[in-house]
């Protein structure tokens, strides 16, 4: 073979190698670009999923807050339309003067307030005249400060009647009412209750309640 032909053959072989190398480099670059595109696509997909999750969470929290606000608004509305200022309950008054007069006809020792202290209200009254003694007279009163005062009378002077009406008691001195000495009592079986006790001439008179000694004494002074 001539030198010219050999040279041409070598050049062709070299060119083939160069072309093969170029093709290999092109394949590598194409693979790298494909991996880059795949990574970018994966990152984009992950971002979109994260965005959707965050959006759902935000919507859920927002819905909960909105529902809570609606519930509070409804409750506030119901309170507004149903609330009424609490009115102080007034005691139910009873007419007692007629029974007082009838009781005095049967038992001259029966006593009642004349007049009733201002602002006080009689709430219960009872006169019992059984065929056998004792006779009993009761008058319950509510003061202007919504405290209770009760009058109990009977034509007995024994301790059983007092015990039945007051329970266990302890002495607490005396009180002078209209020149008459009453015994003061603390009621041990009732919280914050006291009594005035007067026993004489076969009659027991009790003024008791939770209104305090000054009110009990004011009521006792009105008895006639």
N, C-alpha and C. Protein backbone atom coordinates (compact mmCIF):
# COMPACT_ATOMS: atom_id res chain seq x y z
N UNK A 1 0.89 -1.19 0.00
CA UNK A 1 0.00 0.00 0.00
C UNK A 1 0.89 1.20 0.00
N UNK A 2 0.47 2.25 -0.72
CA UNK A 2 1.28 3.47 -0.77
C UNK A 2 1.12 4.24 0.51
N UNK A 3 2.08 5.10 0.73
CA UNK A 3 2.02 5.93 1.94
C UNK A 3 0.82 6.83 1.94
N UNK A 4 0.40 7.20 0.74
CA UNK A 4 -0.77 8.08 0.69
C UNK A 4 -2.01 7.33 1.13
N UNK A 5 -2.14 6.16 0.72
CA UNK A 5 -3.32 5.36 1.12
C UNK A 5 -3.31 5.03 2.60
N UNK A 6 -2.11 4.77 3.13
CA UNK A 6 -2.01 4.48 4.58
C UNK A 6 -2.41 5.69 5.39
N UNK A 7 -2.01 6.82 4.97
CA UNK A 7 -2.35 8.05 5.71
C UNK A 7 -3.84 8.30 5.71
N UNK A 8 -4.44 8.04 4.55
CA UNK A 8 -5.89 8.25 4.48
C UNK A 8 -6.63 7.29 5.40
N UNK A 9 -6.11 6.08 5.46
CA UNK A 9 -6.76 5.08 6.34
C UNK A 9 -6.62 5.46 7.81
N UNK A 10 -5.46 5.96 8.17
CA UNK A 10 -5.23 6.38 9.57
C UNK A 10 -6.14 7.57 9.94
N UNK A 11 -6.26 8.47 8.99
CA UNK A 11 -7.10 9.64 9.26
C UNK A 11 -8.56 9.22 9.44
N UNK A 12 -8.97 8.27 8.63
CA UNK A 12 -10.37 7.81 8.75
C UNK A 12 -10.61 7.13 10.09
N UNK A 13 -9.61 6.33 10.51
CA UNK A 13 -9.74 5.65 11.82
C UNK A 13 -9.77 6.66 12.95
N UNK A 14 -8.90 7.67 12.83
CA UNK A 14 -8.86 8.69 13.89
C UNK A 14 -10.19 9.46 13.95
N UNK A 15 -10.71 9.68 12.73
CA UNK A 15 -11.99 10.43 12.69
C UNK A 15 -13.11 9.62 13.32
N UNK A 16 -13.08 8.30 13.07
CA UNK A 16 -14.11 7.44 13.67
C UNK A 16 -14.02 7.45 15.20
N UNK A 17 -12.78 7.41 15.68
CA UNK A 17 -12.59 7.45 17.14
C UNK A 17 -13.10 8.78 17.71
N UNK A 18 -12.78 9.84 17.00
CA UNK A 18 -13.21 11.16 17.47
C UNK A 18 -14.73 11.25 17.48
N UNK A 19 -15.32 10.70 16.38
CA UNK A 19 -16.80 10.75 16.32
C UNK A 19 -17.41 9.90 17.43
N UNK A 20 -16.81 8.72 17.69
CA UNK A 20 -17.35 7.85 18.75
C UNK A 20 -17.23 8.51 20.11
N UNK A 21 -16.08 9.17 20.27
CA UNK A 21 -15.90 9.86 21.56
C UNK A 21 -16.90 10.99 21.71
N UNK A 22 -17.12 11.70 20.62
CA UNK A 22 -18.09 12.81 20.67
C UNK A 22 -19.48 12.30 20.96
N UNK A 23 -19.81 11.15 20.30
CA UNK A 23 -21.13 10.58 20.57
C UNK A 23 -21.25 10.15 22.03
N UNK A 24 -20.16 9.58 22.58
CA UNK A 24 -20.21 9.17 24.00
C UNK A 24 -20.40 10.36 24.93
N UNK A 25 -19.67 11.42 24.62
CA UNK A 25 -19.83 12.63 25.47
C UNK A 25 -21.24 13.19 25.36
N UNK A 26 -21.79 13.10 24.16
CA UNK A 26 -23.16 13.61 23.97
C UNK A 26 -24.15 12.79 24.78
N UNK A 27 -23.93 11.47 24.80
CA UNK A 27 -24.83 10.61 25.59
C UNK A 27 -24.73 10.94 27.07
N UNK A 28 -23.48 11.17 27.54
CA UNK A 28 -23.29 11.50 28.97
C UNK A 28 -24.02 12.79 29.31
N UNK A 29 -23.83 13.82 28.40
CA UNK A 29 -24.49 15.10 28.66
C UNK A 29 -26.01 14.94 28.64
N UNK A 30 -26.49 14.10 27.72
CA UNK A 30 -27.95 13.89 27.64
C UNK A 30 -28.47 13.22 28.91
N UNK A 31 -27.69 12.27 29.41
CA UNK A 31 -28.10 11.59 30.66
C UNK A 31 -28.10 12.56 31.84
N UNK A 32 -27.04 13.39 31.88
CA UNK A 32 -26.97 14.38 32.97
C UNK A 32 -28.16 15.35 32.91
N UNK A 33 -28.48 15.79 31.69
CA UNK A 33 -29.62 16.70 31.55
C UNK A 33 -30.93 16.02 31.93
N UNK A 34 -31.04 14.72 31.58
CA UNK A 34 -32.26 13.98 31.95
C UNK A 34 -32.37 13.86 33.46
N UNK A 35 -31.21 13.60 34.11
CA UNK A 35 -31.26 13.51 35.59
C UNK A 35 -31.61 14.86 36.21
N UNK A 36 -31.05 15.93 35.64
CA UNK A 36 -31.36 17.27 36.15
C UNK A 36 -32.85 17.57 36.00
N UNK A 37 -33.40 17.24 34.81
CA UNK A 37 -34.84 17.48 34.60
C UNK A 37 -35.69 16.66 35.57
N UNK A 38 -35.25 15.39 35.78
CA UNK A 38 -36.00 14.53 36.71
C UNK A 38 -35.95 15.09 38.13
N UNK A 39 -34.77 15.61 38.54
CA UNK A 39 -34.64 16.18 39.89
C UNK A 39 -35.49 17.43 40.05
N UNK A 40 -35.44 18.26 38.99
CA UNK A 40 -36.26 19.49 39.03
C UNK A 40 -37.75 19.14 39.10
N UNK A 41 -38.14 18.14 38.33
CA UNK A 41 -39.54 17.72 38.35
C UNK A 41 -39.95 17.17 39.72
N UNK A 42 -39.03 16.37 40.31
CA UNK A 42 -39.32 15.81 41.64
C UNK A 42 -39.45 16.91 42.68
N UNK A 43 -38.54 17.90 42.62
CA UNK A 43 -38.61 19.03 43.57
C UNK A 43 -39.89 19.82 43.37
N UNK A 44 -40.28 20.00 42.10
CA UNK A 44 -41.52 20.73 41.83
C UNK A 44 -42.73 19.97 42.37
N UNK A 45 -42.73 18.66 42.19
CA UNK A 45 -43.83 17.84 42.70
C UNK A 45 -43.90 17.91 44.24
N UNK A 46 -42.73 17.83 44.87
CA UNK A 46 -42.69 17.88 46.35
C UNK A 46 -43.19 19.24 46.84
N UNK A 47 -42.79 20.31 46.14
CA UNK A 47 -43.24 21.65 46.53
C UNK A 47 -44.76 21.77 46.42
N UNK A 48 -45.31 21.24 45.29
CA UNK A 48 -46.76 21.32 45.11
C UNK A 48 -47.51 20.52 46.19
N UNK A 49 -46.99 19.34 46.55
CA UNK A 49 -47.63 18.54 47.60
C UNK A 49 -47.57 19.24 48.95
N UNK A 50 -46.40 19.83 49.25
CA UNK A 50 -46.27 20.56 50.52
C UNK A 50 -47.21 21.75 50.56
N UNK A 51 -47.35 22.42 49.43
CA UNK A 51 -48.26 23.57 49.36
C UNK A 51 -49.71 23.14 49.60
N UNK A 52 -50.10 22.01 49.00
CA UNK A 52 -51.46 21.51 49.19
C UNK A 52 -51.71 21.12 50.65
N UNK A 53 -50.69 20.45 51.26
CA UNK A 53 -50.86 20.08 52.67
C UNK A 53 -51.02 21.31 53.54
N UNK A 54 -50.16 22.30 53.33
CA UNK A 54 -50.25 23.53 54.12
C UNK A 54 -51.58 24.23 53.90
N UNK A 55 -52.05 24.19 52.66
CA UNK A 55 -53.32 24.85 52.35
C UNK A 55 -54.48 24.16 53.06
N UNK A 56 -54.43 22.79 53.05
CA UNK A 56 -55.50 22.06 53.73
C UNK A 56 -55.49 22.35 55.24
N UNK A 57 -54.27 22.36 55.81
CA UNK A 57 -54.17 22.67 57.23
C UNK A 57 -54.70 24.06 57.52
N UNK A 58 -54.33 25.02 56.69
CA UNK A 58 -54.79 26.39 56.90
C UNK A 58 -56.30 26.48 56.80
N UNK A 59 -56.86 25.76 55.82
CA UNK A 59 -58.32 25.77 55.67
C UNK A 59 -58.98 25.12 56.86
N UNK A 60 -58.41 24.01 57.38
CA UNK A 60 -58.99 23.32 58.53
C UNK A 60 -58.99 24.23 59.76
N UNK A 61 -57.84 24.85 60.06
CA UNK A 61 -57.76 25.77 61.20
C UNK A 61 -58.71 26.94 61.02
N UNK A 62 -58.75 27.46 59.80
CA UNK A 62 -59.66 28.58 59.54
C UNK A 62 -61.11 28.19 59.75
N UNK A 63 -61.46 26.99 59.29
CA UNK A 63 -62.83 26.52 59.48
C UNK A 63 -63.16 26.35 60.95
N UNK A 64 -62.20 25.82 61.72
CA UNK A 64 -62.43 25.65 63.16
C UNK A 64 -62.63 26.99 63.84
N UNK A 65 -61.77 27.95 63.50
CA UNK A 65 -61.90 29.29 64.10
C UNK A 65 -63.23 29.91 63.71
N UNK A 66 -63.61 29.78 62.46
CA UNK A 66 -64.88 30.33 62.00
C UNK A 66 -66.06 29.69 62.72
N UNK A 67 -66.01 28.35 62.87
CA UNK A 67 -67.09 27.65 63.57
C UNK A 67 -67.16 28.09 65.02
N UNK A 68 -65.99 28.27 65.67
CA UNK A 68 -65.97 28.71 67.06
C UNK A 68 -66.57 30.10 67.21
N UNK A 69 -66.22 30.98 66.28
CA UNK A 69 -66.77 32.34 66.32
C UNK A 69 -68.29 32.30 66.17
N UNK A 70 -68.78 31.47 65.26
CA UNK A 70 -70.23 31.36 65.05
C UNK A 70 -70.90 30.85 66.32
N UNK A 71 -70.30 29.81 66.95
CA UNK A 71 -70.89 29.26 68.19
C UNK A 71 -70.94 30.30 69.29
N UNK A 72 -69.85 31.05 69.45
CA UNK A 72 -69.83 32.09 70.49
C UNK A 72 -70.86 33.17 70.19
N UNK A 73 -71.01 33.50 68.94
CA UNK A 73 -72.01 34.51 68.57
C UNK A 73 -73.42 34.03 68.89
N UNK A 74 -73.69 32.76 68.61
CA UNK A 74 -75.01 32.21 68.91
C UNK A 74 -75.26 32.20 70.41
N UNK A 75 -74.26 31.77 71.19
CA UNK A 75 -74.41 31.75 72.64
C UNK A 75 -74.65 33.15 73.17
N UNK A 76 -73.87 34.12 72.69
CA UNK A 76 -74.05 35.50 73.14
C UNK A 76 -75.45 36.01 72.80
N UNK A 77 -75.93 35.66 71.62
CA UNK A 77 -77.28 36.09 71.23
C UNK A 77 -78.33 35.48 72.14
N UNK A 78 -78.19 34.16 72.43
CA UNK A 78 -79.17 33.51 73.31
C UNK A 78 -79.15 34.12 74.70
N UNK A 79 -77.96 34.40 75.21
CA UNK A 79 -77.86 35.02 76.54
C UNK A 79 -78.53 36.38 76.53
N UNK A 80 -78.31 37.12 75.45
CA UNK A 80 -78.87 38.47 75.37
C UNK A 80 -80.40 38.46 75.36
N UNK A 81 -80.96 37.52 74.58
CA UNK A 81 -82.43 37.53 74.43
C UNK A 81 -83.14 36.80 75.57
N UNK A 82 -82.42 35.94 76.30
CA UNK A 82 -83.09 35.19 77.38
C UNK A 82 -82.78 35.72 78.76
N UNK A 83 -81.71 36.51 78.92
CA UNK A 83 -81.34 36.98 80.25
C UNK A 83 -82.33 38.01 80.75
N UNK A 84 -82.68 37.84 81.97
CA UNK A 84 -83.54 38.82 82.63
C UNK A 84 -82.93 39.14 84.00
N UNK A 85 -82.94 40.39 84.40
CA UNK A 85 -82.42 40.71 85.73
C UNK A 85 -83.24 40.00 86.81
N UNK A 86 -82.52 39.43 87.75
CA UNK A 86 -83.19 38.68 88.81
C UNK A 86 -83.96 39.63 89.71
N UNK A 87 -85.22 39.37 89.79
CA UNK A 87 -86.06 40.20 90.64
C UNK A 87 -86.11 39.61 92.05
N UNK A 88 -86.04 40.48 93.01
CA UNK A 88 -86.12 40.03 94.39
C UNK A 88 -87.53 39.51 94.66
N UNK A 89 -87.60 38.28 95.09
CA UNK A 89 -88.89 37.67 95.33
C UNK A 89 -89.52 38.27 96.60
N UNK A 90 -90.76 38.67 96.45
CA UNK A 90 -91.48 39.22 97.59
C UNK A 90 -92.25 38.10 98.28
N UNK A 91 -92.27 38.13 99.59
CA UNK A 91 -93.02 37.09 100.30
C UNK A 91 -94.51 37.20 100.05
N UNK A 92 -95.16 36.06 100.06
CA UNK A 92 -96.61 36.04 99.88
C UNK A 92 -97.29 36.39 101.20
N UNK A 93 -98.00 37.49 101.20
CA UNK A 93 -98.62 37.97 102.44
C UNK A 93 -99.91 37.21 102.74
N UNK A 94 -100.19 37.04 104.02
CA UNK A 94 -101.45 36.45 104.46
C UNK A 94 -102.14 37.43 105.40
N UNK A 95 -103.46 37.38 105.39
CA UNK A 95 -104.25 38.23 106.29
C UNK A 95 -104.38 37.49 107.63
N UNK A 96 -103.92 38.11 108.69
CA UNK A 96 -103.88 37.42 109.99
C UNK A 96 -104.75 38.08 111.06
N UNK A 97 -105.19 39.30 110.80
CA UNK A 97 -105.88 40.03 111.87
C UNK A 97 -107.20 39.38 112.27
N UNK A 98 -107.92 38.81 111.30
CA UNK A 98 -109.19 38.17 111.63
C UNK A 98 -108.96 36.95 112.52
N UNK A 99 -107.96 36.14 112.18
CA UNK A 99 -107.67 34.97 113.02
C UNK A 99 -107.15 35.40 114.39
N UNK A 100 -106.43 36.50 114.43
CA UNK A 100 -105.97 37.01 115.72
C UNK A 100 -107.15 37.37 116.62
N UNK A 101 -108.15 38.02 116.07
CA UNK A 101 -109.32 38.39 116.86
C UNK A 101 -110.09 37.15 117.31
N UNK A 102 -110.24 36.17 116.42
CA UNK A 102 -110.93 34.93 116.79
C UNK A 102 -110.15 34.18 117.88
N UNK A 103 -108.82 34.18 117.77
CA UNK A 103 -108.01 33.48 118.76
C UNK A 103 -108.13 34.15 120.13
N UNK A 104 -108.20 35.45 120.16
CA UNK A 104 -108.32 36.17 121.43
C UNK A 104 -109.66 35.88 122.12
N UNK A 105 -110.68 35.61 121.31
CA UNK A 105 -111.96 35.27 121.90
C UNK A 105 -111.90 33.93 122.62
N UNK A 106 -111.07 33.02 122.07
CA UNK A 106 -110.95 31.70 122.68
C UNK A 106 -109.87 31.67 123.76
N UNK A 107 -108.86 32.51 123.62
CA UNK A 107 -107.75 32.52 124.58
C UNK A 107 -107.29 33.96 124.74
N UNK A 108 -107.63 34.56 125.87
CA UNK A 108 -107.35 35.99 126.07
C UNK A 108 -105.86 36.30 126.08
N UNK A 109 -105.02 35.29 126.31
CA UNK A 109 -103.58 35.53 126.40
C UNK A 109 -102.89 35.62 125.03
N UNK A 110 -103.62 35.34 123.96
CA UNK A 110 -103.02 35.40 122.61
C UNK A 110 -102.62 36.84 122.30
N UNK A 111 -101.44 36.98 121.75
CA UNK A 111 -100.92 38.31 121.43
C UNK A 111 -100.52 38.37 119.96
N UNK A 112 -100.53 39.62 119.44
CA UNK A 112 -100.13 39.84 118.05
C UNK A 112 -99.58 41.23 117.90
N UNK A 113 -98.86 41.49 116.79
CA UNK A 113 -98.25 42.82 116.59
C UNK A 113 -99.30 43.87 116.25
N UNK A 114 -99.31 44.93 117.02
CA UNK A 114 -100.23 46.04 116.78
C UNK A 114 -99.49 47.36 117.02
N UNK A 115 -99.00 47.99 115.96
CA UNK A 115 -99.09 47.55 114.55
C UNK A 115 -97.92 46.65 114.17
N UNK A 116 -98.02 46.07 113.00
CA UNK A 116 -96.89 45.31 112.44
C UNK A 116 -95.77 46.29 112.11
N UNK A 117 -94.51 45.98 112.45
CA UNK A 117 -93.41 46.88 112.08
C UNK A 117 -93.43 47.20 110.59
N UNK A 118 -93.08 48.43 110.24
CA UNK A 118 -93.15 48.91 108.87
C UNK A 118 -92.30 48.05 107.93
N UNK A 119 -92.92 47.63 106.83
CA UNK A 119 -92.23 46.84 105.83
C UNK A 119 -92.20 45.36 106.11
N UNK A 120 -92.72 44.91 107.24
CA UNK A 120 -92.75 43.49 107.58
C UNK A 120 -94.05 42.88 107.05
N UNK A 121 -93.98 41.59 106.73
CA UNK A 121 -95.12 40.93 106.10
C UNK A 121 -95.43 39.62 106.80
N UNK A 122 -96.69 39.44 107.20
CA UNK A 122 -97.12 38.15 107.77
C UNK A 122 -97.23 37.14 106.64
N UNK A 123 -96.61 35.97 106.83
CA UNK A 123 -96.60 34.95 105.78
C UNK A 123 -97.27 33.64 106.20
N UNK A 124 -97.51 33.46 107.50
CA UNK A 124 -98.19 32.23 107.95
C UNK A 124 -98.88 32.51 109.27
N UNK A 125 -100.02 31.85 109.47
CA UNK A 125 -100.79 32.05 110.70
C UNK A 125 -101.54 30.76 111.01
N UNK A 126 -101.61 30.41 112.28
CA UNK A 126 -102.33 29.19 112.66
C UNK A 126 -102.75 29.28 114.13
N UNK A 127 -104.01 28.95 114.38
CA UNK A 127 -104.53 28.88 115.74
C UNK A 127 -105.20 27.53 115.93
N UNK A 128 -104.74 26.79 116.90
CA UNK A 128 -105.25 25.45 117.12
C UNK A 128 -105.91 25.36 118.50
N UNK A 129 -107.16 24.90 118.49
CA UNK A 129 -107.89 24.72 119.75
C UNK A 129 -108.39 23.28 119.82
N UNK A 130 -107.49 22.35 120.12
CA UNK A 130 -107.93 20.94 120.21
C UNK A 130 -108.86 20.74 121.40
N UNK A 131 -109.56 19.63 121.40
CA UNK A 131 -110.47 19.34 122.52
C UNK A 131 -109.71 19.24 123.83
N UNK A 132 -108.48 18.81 123.75
CA UNK A 132 -107.65 18.78 124.94
C UNK A 132 -106.50 19.77 124.78
N UNK A 133 -106.08 20.35 125.89
CA UNK A 133 -104.99 21.32 125.83
C UNK A 133 -103.71 20.62 125.37
N UNK A 134 -102.69 21.35 124.84
CA UNK A 134 -102.60 22.80 124.90
C UNK A 134 -103.17 23.51 123.67
N UNK A 135 -103.55 24.76 123.85
CA UNK A 135 -103.92 25.64 122.74
C UNK A 135 -102.63 26.28 122.21
N UNK A 136 -102.53 26.42 120.90
CA UNK A 136 -101.32 27.01 120.32
C UNK A 136 -101.68 28.09 119.31
N UNK A 137 -100.82 29.09 119.26
CA UNK A 137 -100.98 30.22 118.34
C UNK A 137 -99.63 30.47 117.66
N UNK A 138 -99.69 30.60 116.32
CA UNK A 138 -98.46 30.82 115.55
C UNK A 138 -98.66 31.96 114.56
N UNK A 139 -97.64 32.80 114.43
CA UNK A 139 -97.64 33.85 113.41
C UNK A 139 -96.22 33.96 112.87
N UNK A 140 -96.05 33.73 111.56
CA UNK A 140 -94.75 33.86 110.90
C UNK A 140 -94.66 35.15 110.12
N UNK A 141 -93.52 35.83 110.21
CA UNK A 141 -93.35 37.16 109.62
C UNK A 141 -92.00 37.23 108.90
N UNK A 142 -91.97 37.92 107.76
CA UNK A 142 -90.73 38.22 107.05
C UNK A 142 -90.46 39.72 107.18
N UNK A 143 -89.24 40.06 107.59
CA UNK A 143 -88.90 41.47 107.80
C UNK A 143 -88.62 42.17 106.48
N UNK A 144 -88.42 43.47 106.55
CA UNK A 144 -88.08 44.24 105.35
C UNK A 144 -86.69 43.89 104.81
N UNK A 145 -85.90 43.18 105.58
CA UNK A 145 -84.59 42.72 105.13
C UNK A 145 -84.62 41.24 104.76
N UNK A 146 -85.84 40.71 104.55
CA UNK A 146 -86.05 39.32 104.13
C UNK A 146 -85.51 38.32 105.15
N UNK A 147 -85.67 38.64 106.41
CA UNK A 147 -85.33 37.73 107.50
C UNK A 147 -86.62 37.24 108.14
N UNK A 148 -86.51 36.13 108.88
CA UNK A 148 -87.71 35.51 109.44
C UNK A 148 -87.82 35.76 110.94
N UNK A 149 -89.05 36.04 111.36
CA UNK A 149 -89.39 36.14 112.78
C UNK A 149 -90.67 35.35 113.00
N UNK A 150 -90.66 34.47 113.98
CA UNK A 150 -91.85 33.67 114.27
C UNK A 150 -92.31 33.86 115.70
N UNK A 151 -93.61 33.96 115.87
CA UNK A 151 -94.23 34.06 117.20
C UNK A 151 -94.91 32.73 117.51
N UNK A 152 -94.57 32.14 118.65
CA UNK A 152 -95.19 30.89 119.09
C UNK A 152 -95.71 31.09 120.52
N UNK A 153 -96.99 30.75 120.73
CA UNK A 153 -97.58 30.86 122.07
C UNK A 153 -98.38 29.61 122.39
N UNK A 154 -98.42 29.29 123.67
CA UNK A 154 -99.23 28.15 124.13
C UNK A 154 -99.52 28.32 125.61
N UNK A 155 -100.63 27.71 126.03
CA UNK A 155 -101.00 27.80 127.44
C UNK A 155 -100.34 26.66 128.24
N UNK A 156 -99.06 26.51 128.03
CA UNK A 156 -98.25 25.56 128.80
C UNK A 156 -97.00 26.29 129.25
N UNK A 157 -96.39 25.81 130.30
CA UNK A 157 -95.17 26.45 130.80
C UNK A 157 -94.03 25.44 130.98
N UNK A 158 -94.25 24.23 130.49
CA UNK A 158 -93.22 23.20 130.62
C UNK A 158 -92.14 23.32 129.56
N UNK A 159 -91.00 22.68 129.82
CA UNK A 159 -89.86 22.76 128.91
C UNK A 159 -90.07 21.99 127.63
N UNK A 160 -91.03 21.02 127.61
CA UNK A 160 -91.23 20.23 126.40
C UNK A 160 -91.69 21.08 125.23
N UNK A 161 -92.59 22.03 125.49
CA UNK A 161 -93.08 22.89 124.42
C UNK A 161 -91.94 23.72 123.84
N UNK A 162 -91.10 24.26 124.72
CA UNK A 162 -89.96 25.06 124.27
C UNK A 162 -89.00 24.20 123.45
N UNK A 163 -88.73 23.00 123.92
CA UNK A 163 -87.83 22.11 123.20
C UNK A 163 -88.40 21.72 121.84
N UNK A 164 -89.71 21.51 121.78
CA UNK A 164 -90.34 21.16 120.51
C UNK A 164 -90.21 22.29 119.50
N UNK A 165 -90.30 23.52 119.97
CA UNK A 165 -90.26 24.67 119.07
C UNK A 165 -88.84 25.13 118.74
N UNK A 166 -87.92 24.98 119.68
CA UNK A 166 -86.59 25.56 119.50
C UNK A 166 -85.47 24.53 119.38
N UNK A 167 -85.72 23.31 119.81
CA UNK A 167 -84.63 22.34 119.84
C UNK A 167 -83.68 22.65 120.97
N UNK A 168 -82.42 22.30 120.80
CA UNK A 168 -81.43 22.57 121.85
C UNK A 168 -81.07 24.05 121.85
N UNK A 169 -80.95 24.61 123.05
CA UNK A 169 -80.64 26.03 123.18
C UNK A 169 -79.57 26.24 124.25
N UNK A 170 -79.00 27.43 124.22
CA UNK A 170 -78.10 27.85 125.29
C UNK A 170 -78.50 29.25 125.71
N UNK A 171 -78.37 29.54 127.01
CA UNK A 171 -78.74 30.86 127.53
C UNK A 171 -77.79 31.92 126.97
N UNK A 172 -78.34 33.11 126.70
CA UNK A 172 -77.54 34.21 126.15
C UNK A 172 -77.92 35.53 126.80
N UNK A 173 -78.18 35.48 128.11
CA UNK A 173 -78.51 36.70 128.84
C UNK A 173 -79.99 37.01 128.77
N UNK A 174 -80.32 38.27 129.01
CA UNK A 174 -81.72 38.71 129.01
C UNK A 174 -81.86 39.99 128.20
N UNK A 175 -83.12 40.31 127.87
CA UNK A 175 -83.44 41.56 127.17
C UNK A 175 -84.67 42.16 127.83
N UNK A 176 -84.62 43.47 128.05
CA UNK A 176 -85.76 44.17 128.62
C UNK A 176 -86.56 44.79 127.49
N UNK A 177 -87.82 44.36 127.36
CA UNK A 177 -88.71 44.85 126.30
C UNK A 177 -89.96 45.41 126.95
N UNK A 178 -90.13 46.73 126.88
CA UNK A 178 -91.29 47.37 127.49
C UNK A 178 -91.37 47.11 128.98
N UNK A 179 -90.23 47.05 129.63
CA UNK A 179 -90.20 46.82 131.06
C UNK A 179 -90.35 45.37 131.46
N UNK A 180 -90.46 44.47 130.51
CA UNK A 180 -90.59 43.04 130.78
C UNK A 180 -89.28 42.35 130.40
N UNK A 181 -88.82 41.45 131.26
CA UNK A 181 -87.56 40.76 131.01
C UNK A 181 -87.80 39.45 130.27
N UNK A 182 -87.18 39.35 129.11
CA UNK A 182 -87.23 38.14 128.31
C UNK A 182 -85.87 37.43 128.40
N UNK A 183 -85.89 36.13 128.30
CA UNK A 183 -84.66 35.36 128.25
C UNK A 183 -84.18 35.27 126.80
N UNK A 184 -82.89 35.51 126.62
CA UNK A 184 -82.30 35.35 125.29
C UNK A 184 -81.78 33.92 125.14
N UNK A 185 -81.99 33.35 123.94
CA UNK A 185 -81.54 31.99 123.68
C UNK A 185 -80.81 31.93 122.34
N UNK A 186 -79.76 31.12 122.30
CA UNK A 186 -79.11 30.77 121.03
C UNK A 186 -79.60 29.38 120.62
N UNK A 187 -80.09 29.25 119.40
CA UNK A 187 -80.59 27.97 118.93
C UNK A 187 -79.42 27.15 118.38
N UNK A 188 -79.07 26.08 119.07
CA UNK A 188 -77.89 25.30 118.72
C UNK A 188 -78.11 24.43 117.49
N UNK A 189 -79.35 24.10 117.19
CA UNK A 189 -79.63 23.23 116.05
C UNK A 189 -79.95 24.01 114.77
N UNK A 190 -79.93 25.33 114.83
CA UNK A 190 -80.25 26.16 113.67
C UNK A 190 -79.17 27.24 113.53
N UNK A 191 -78.68 27.41 112.34
CA UNK A 191 -77.59 28.34 112.10
C UNK A 191 -78.09 29.78 112.15
N UNK A 192 -77.40 30.60 112.94
CA UNK A 192 -77.66 32.05 113.03
C UNK A 192 -79.09 32.36 113.46
N UNK A 193 -79.66 31.55 114.33
CA UNK A 193 -81.00 31.83 114.84
C UNK A 193 -80.96 32.01 116.35
N UNK A 194 -81.82 32.91 116.80
CA UNK A 194 -81.92 33.23 118.22
C UNK A 194 -83.39 33.28 118.61
N UNK A 195 -83.62 33.40 119.91
CA UNK A 195 -85.00 33.45 120.39
C UNK A 195 -85.08 34.29 121.65
N UNK A 196 -86.26 34.86 121.85
CA UNK A 196 -86.63 35.49 123.11
C UNK A 196 -87.72 34.63 123.73
N UNK A 197 -87.59 34.36 125.03
CA UNK A 197 -88.51 33.46 125.72
C UNK A 197 -89.10 34.16 126.93
N UNK A 198 -90.43 34.08 127.04
CA UNK A 198 -91.14 34.66 128.17
C UNK A 198 -92.12 33.62 128.71
N UNK A 199 -91.97 33.26 129.97
CA UNK A 199 -92.84 32.26 130.59
C UNK A 199 -93.47 32.90 131.83
N UNK A 200 -94.80 32.85 131.89
CA UNK A 200 -95.48 33.42 133.05
C UNK A 200 -96.97 33.26 132.95
N UNK A 201 -97.61 33.13 134.13
CA UNK A 201 -99.08 33.01 134.23
C UNK A 201 -99.60 31.85 133.40
N UNK A 202 -98.83 30.74 133.33
CA UNK A 202 -99.28 29.56 132.61
C UNK A 202 -99.20 29.67 131.09
N UNK A 203 -98.52 30.68 130.61
CA UNK A 203 -98.41 30.89 129.16
C UNK A 203 -96.93 31.01 128.78
N UNK A 204 -96.57 30.36 127.67
CA UNK A 204 -95.21 30.47 127.12
C UNK A 204 -95.27 31.24 125.80
N UNK A 205 -94.44 32.29 125.73
CA UNK A 205 -94.37 33.10 124.51
C UNK A 205 -92.94 33.05 123.98
N UNK A 206 -92.83 32.73 122.70
CA UNK A 206 -91.51 32.64 122.05
C UNK A 206 -91.51 33.53 120.82
N UNK A 207 -90.46 34.32 120.70
CA UNK A 207 -90.20 35.09 119.47
C UNK A 207 -88.83 34.62 118.97
N UNK A 208 -88.80 33.98 117.79
CA UNK A 208 -87.56 33.37 117.31
C UNK A 208 -87.37 33.63 115.83
N UNK A 209 -86.13 33.54 115.38
CA UNK A 209 -85.83 33.69 113.96
C UNK A 209 -84.38 34.04 113.71
N UNK A 210 -84.08 34.34 112.45
CA UNK A 210 -82.70 34.66 112.06
C UNK A 210 -82.49 36.14 111.81
N UNK A 211 -83.41 36.98 112.31
CA UNK A 211 -83.33 38.42 112.06
C UNK A 211 -82.43 39.14 113.04
N UNK A 212 -81.95 38.45 114.08
CA UNK A 212 -81.10 39.10 115.08
C UNK A 212 -81.91 39.63 116.25
N UNK A 213 -81.22 39.78 117.39
CA UNK A 213 -81.91 40.23 118.60
C UNK A 213 -82.62 41.57 118.46
N UNK A 214 -82.02 42.60 117.81
CA UNK A 214 -82.74 43.89 117.71
C UNK A 214 -84.10 43.74 117.02
N UNK A 215 -84.17 42.95 115.93
CA UNK A 215 -85.44 42.75 115.25
C UNK A 215 -86.41 41.94 116.10
N UNK A 216 -85.89 40.92 116.79
CA UNK A 216 -86.76 40.12 117.66
C UNK A 216 -87.34 40.98 118.78
N UNK A 217 -86.53 41.85 119.33
CA UNK A 217 -87.00 42.72 120.40
C UNK A 217 -87.99 43.77 119.87
N UNK A 218 -87.74 44.26 118.65
CA UNK A 218 -88.69 45.22 118.05
C UNK A 218 -90.04 44.55 117.86
N UNK A 219 -90.04 43.28 117.42
CA UNK A 219 -91.30 42.56 117.23
C UNK A 219 -91.98 42.30 118.57
N UNK A 220 -91.20 41.92 119.57
CA UNK A 220 -91.78 41.64 120.90
C UNK A 220 -92.41 42.90 121.48
N UNK A 221 -91.78 44.04 121.20
CA UNK A 221 -92.33 45.29 121.77
C UNK A 221 -93.63 45.69 121.11
N UNK A 222 -93.93 45.15 119.89
CA UNK A 222 -95.16 45.48 119.18
C UNK A 222 -96.31 44.55 119.57
N UNK A 223 -96.06 43.51 120.37
CA UNK A 223 -97.11 42.56 120.73
C UNK A 223 -98.06 43.18 121.74
N UNK A 224 -99.35 42.99 121.47
CA UNK A 224 -100.38 43.53 122.38
C UNK A 224 -101.38 42.43 122.70
